């Protein structure tokens, strides 16, 4: 039946040391690259969404909630030590911007092809 009663604040505190660390450019956070069937994601650190006009997505590891209908992969929630890599905020921002530009260019290519 799942977990019976838990304190999300305590769970969040216990996850903080697993999901964050001090890095050269500030506090780094753990992210993972969600699997996707989209071939344009192959060499990217983060992924381009198959929805929302090719928006760029950075999937985080860990959560202090246990939502019944959560769409996150189970290992990212239940086993955060085993998945993901640490990235600085600057690295995340630069990768997301690059992905968004790439995603937008592939979206406009698809649109122009269908006209």
C-alpha atoms as a PDB file:
ATOM      1  CA  UNK A   1       0.000   0.000   0.000  1.00  0.00           C
ATOM      2  CA  UNK A   2       2.982   2.309  -0.011  1.00  0.00           C
ATOM      3  CA  UNK A   3       4.451   4.478   2.706  1.00  0.00           C
ATOM      4  CA  UNK A   4       2.251   5.254   5.692  1.00  0.00           C
ATOM      5  CA  UNK A   5       2.518   8.805   6.910  1.00  0.00           C
ATOM      6  CA  UNK A   6       5.792  10.657   6.535  1.00  0.00           C
ATOM      7  CA  UNK A   7       7.066  14.126   7.228  1.00  0.00           C
ATOM      8  CA  UNK A   8       8.023  15.799   3.907  1.00  0.00           C
ATOM      9  CA  UNK A   9      10.135  18.384   5.736  1.00  0.00           C
ATOM     10  CA  UNK A  10      12.238  15.689   7.452  1.00  0.00           C
ATOM     11  CA  UNK A  11      12.512  13.748   4.203  1.00  0.00           C
ATOM     12  CA  UNK A  12      13.639  16.905   2.399  1.00  0.00           C
ATOM     13  CA  UNK A  13      16.321  17.563   5.009  1.00  0.00           C
ATOM     14  CA  UNK A  14      17.616  14.002   4.740  1.00  0.00           C
ATOM     15  CA  UNK A  15      17.801  14.298   0.936  1.00  0.00           C
ATOM     16  CA  UNK A  16      19.652  17.620   0.939  1.00  0.00           C
ATOM     17  CA  UNK A  17      23.097  16.014   1.465  1.00  0.00           C
ATOM     18  CA  UNK A  18      22.455  13.472  -1.282  1.00  0.00           C
ATOM     19  CA  UNK A  19      21.072  15.894  -3.865  1.00  0.00           C
ATOM     20  CA  UNK A  20      23.287  18.944  -3.410  1.00  0.00           C
ATOM     21  CA  UNK A  21      26.962  19.683  -2.936  1.00  0.00           C
ATOM     22  CA  UNK A  22      29.198  22.726  -2.902  1.00  0.00           C
ATOM     23  CA  UNK A  23      30.950  23.191  -6.205  1.00  0.00           C
ATOM     24  CA  UNK A  24      33.384  25.625  -7.751  1.00  0.00           C
ATOM     25  CA  UNK A  25      30.549  27.844  -9.046  1.00  0.00           C
ATOM     26  CA  UNK A  26      28.059  27.562  -6.188  1.00  0.00           C
ATOM     27  CA  UNK A  27      25.690  24.930  -4.901  1.00  0.00           C
ATOM     28  CA  UNK A  28      25.383  22.083  -7.386  1.00  0.00           C
ATOM     29  CA  UNK A  29      22.210  20.017  -7.784  1.00  0.00           C
ATOM     30  CA  UNK A  30      21.729  16.463  -9.016  1.00  0.00           C
ATOM     31  CA  UNK A  31      20.029  16.014 -12.410  1.00  0.00           C
ATOM     32  CA  UNK A  32      19.536  13.042 -14.698  1.00  0.00           C
ATOM     33  CA  UNK A  33      18.797  12.617 -18.369  1.00  0.00           C
ATOM     34  CA  UNK A  34      15.445  10.974 -18.806  1.00  0.00           C
ATOM     35  CA  UNK A  35      15.346   8.344 -21.506  1.00  0.00           C
ATOM     36  CA  UNK A  36      13.590   9.402 -24.654  1.00  0.00           C
ATOM     37  CA  UNK A  37      12.878   7.999 -28.075  1.00  0.00           C
ATOM     38  CA  UNK A  38      13.716  11.348 -29.635  1.00  0.00           C
ATOM     39  CA  UNK A  39      17.033  10.945 -31.544  1.00  0.00           C
ATOM     40  CA  UNK A  40      17.874  14.660 -31.272  1.00  0.00           C
ATOM     41  CA  UNK A  41      18.504  14.126 -27.528  1.00  0.00           C
ATOM     42  CA  UNK A  42      21.321  11.626 -28.063  1.00  0.00           C
ATOM     43  CA  UNK A  43      24.326  13.882 -27.376  1.00  0.00           C
ATOM     44  CA  UNK A  44      22.688  16.454 -25.078  1.00  0.00           C
ATOM     45  CA  UNK A  45      23.227  16.641 -21.294  1.00  0.00           C
ATOM     46  CA  UNK A  46      19.555  17.467 -20.789  1.00  0.00           C
ATOM     47  CA  UNK A  47      16.677  16.644 -23.085  1.00  0.00           C
ATOM     48  CA  UNK A  48      14.379  18.396 -25.484  1.00  0.00           C
ATOM     49  CA  UNK A  49      10.737  17.703 -24.741  1.00  0.00           C
ATOM     50  CA  UNK A  50       8.642  15.789 -27.219  1.00  0.00           C
ATOM     51  CA  UNK A  51       5.872  18.226 -26.306  1.00  0.00           C
ATOM     52  CA  UNK A  52       5.517  21.977 -25.906  1.00  0.00           C
ATOM     53  CA  UNK A  53       7.235  22.987 -29.151  1.00  0.00           C
ATOM     54  CA  UNK A  54      10.621  21.458 -28.323  1.00  0.00           C
ATOM     55  CA  UNK A  55      11.164  23.073 -24.930  1.00  0.00           C
ATOM     56  CA  UNK A  56      14.313  22.175 -23.021  1.00  0.00           C
ATOM     57  CA  UNK A  57      13.995  20.045 -19.870  1.00  0.00           C
ATOM     58  CA  UNK A  58      16.338  19.444 -16.921  1.00  0.00           C
ATOM     59  CA  UNK A  59      15.055  16.499 -14.879  1.00  0.00           C
ATOM     60  CA  UNK A  60      16.006  16.672 -11.213  1.00  0.00           C
ATOM     61  CA  UNK A  61      16.767  13.758  -8.913  1.00  0.00           C
ATOM     62  CA  UNK A  62      14.856  13.356  -5.670  1.00  0.00           C
ATOM     63  CA  UNK A  63      11.690  14.728  -4.159  1.00  0.00           C
ATOM     64  CA  UNK A  64      10.341  15.101  -0.646  1.00  0.00           C
ATOM     65  CA  UNK A  65       6.779  14.244  -1.691  1.00  0.00           C
ATOM     66  CA  UNK A  66       5.266  10.853  -2.502  1.00  0.00           C
ATOM     67  CA  UNK A  67       2.476  11.731  -4.918  1.00  0.00           C
ATOM     68  CA  UNK A  68       0.326   8.805  -6.005  1.00  0.00           C
ATOM     69  CA  UNK A  69       0.261   9.782  -9.680  1.00  0.00           C
ATOM     70  CA  UNK A  70       3.832  11.043  -9.999  1.00  0.00           C
ATOM     71  CA  UNK A  71       5.289  10.635 -13.490  1.00  0.00           C
ATOM     72  CA  UNK A  72       8.941  10.683 -12.325  1.00  0.00           C
ATOM     73  CA  UNK A  73      10.943   7.509 -12.695  1.00  0.00           C
ATOM     74  CA  UNK A  74      10.926   5.490  -9.484  1.00  0.00           C
ATOM     75  CA  UNK A  75      14.728   5.252  -9.157  1.00  0.00           C
ATOM     76  CA  UNK A  76      15.072   9.057  -9.208  1.00  0.00           C
ATOM     77  CA  UNK A  77      12.749   9.272  -6.203  1.00  0.00           C
ATOM     78  CA  UNK A  78      13.510   6.074  -4.276  1.00  0.00           C
ATOM     79  CA  UNK A  79      17.234   5.654  -5.049  1.00  0.00           C
ATOM     80  CA  UNK A  80      18.668   9.155  -5.530  1.00  0.00           C
ATOM     81  CA  UNK A  81      22.219   8.059  -4.615  1.00  0.00           C
ATOM     82  CA  UNK A  82      22.385   5.757  -7.649  1.00  0.00           C
ATOM     83  CA  UNK A  83      21.294   8.113 -10.443  1.00  0.00           C
ATOM     84  CA  UNK A  84      22.253  11.467 -11.875  1.00  0.00           C
ATOM     85  CA  UNK A  85      25.152  13.876 -11.982  1.00  0.00           C
ATOM     86  CA  UNK A  86      25.837  17.183 -10.265  1.00  0.00           C
ATOM     87  CA  UNK A  87      25.588  20.433 -12.243  1.00  0.00           C
ATOM     88  CA  UNK A  88      26.108  24.055 -11.237  1.00  0.00           C
ATOM     89  CA  UNK A  89      23.285  26.540 -11.834  1.00  0.00           C
ATOM     90  CA  UNK A  90      25.358  28.173 -14.592  1.00  0.00           C
ATOM     91  CA  UNK A  91      25.953  24.849 -16.330  1.00  0.00           C
ATOM     92  CA  UNK A  92      22.245  24.001 -16.163  1.00  0.00           C
ATOM     93  CA  UNK A  93      21.248  27.399 -17.548  1.00  0.00           C
ATOM     94  CA  UNK A  94      23.747  27.253 -20.427  1.00  0.00           C
ATOM     95  CA  UNK A  95      22.742  23.702 -21.364  1.00  0.00           C
ATOM     96  CA  UNK A  96      19.032  24.537 -21.240  1.00  0.00           C
ATOM     97  CA  UNK A  97      19.531  27.613 -23.429  1.00  0.00           C
ATOM     98  CA  UNK A  98      21.561  25.644 -25.968  1.00  0.00           C
ATOM     99  CA  UNK A  99      18.958  22.863 -26.016  1.00  0.00           C
ATOM    100  CA  UNK A 100      16.106  25.357 -26.373  1.00  0.00           C
ATOM    101  CA  UNK A 101      17.795  26.980 -29.376  1.00  0.00           C
ATOM    102  CA  UNK A 102      18.405  23.559 -30.901  1.00  0.00           C
ATOM    103  CA  UNK A 103      14.841  22.432 -30.148  1.00  0.00           C
ATOM    104  CA  UNK A 104      13.384  25.595 -31.630  1.00  0.00           C
ATOM    105  CA  UNK A 105      15.405  25.163 -34.809  1.00  0.00           C
ATOM    106  CA  UNK A 106      14.213  21.568 -35.210  1.00  0.00           C
ATOM    107  CA  UNK A 107      10.605  22.627 -34.509  1.00  0.00           C
ATOM    108  CA  UNK A 108      10.701  25.362 -37.145  1.00  0.00           C
ATOM    109  CA  UNK A 109      12.236  22.894 -39.588  1.00  0.00           C
ATOM    110  CA  UNK A 110       9.344  20.495 -38.990  1.00  0.00           C
ATOM    111  CA  UNK A 111       6.771  23.286 -39.402  1.00  0.00           C
ATOM    112  CA  UNK A 112       8.296  24.561 -42.611  1.00  0.00           C
ATOM    113  CA  UNK A 113       8.321  21.041 -44.023  1.00  0.00           C
ATOM    114  CA  UNK A 114       4.565  20.610 -43.550  1.00  0.00           C
ATOM    115  CA  UNK A 115       3.522  23.917 -45.135  1.00  0.00           C
END
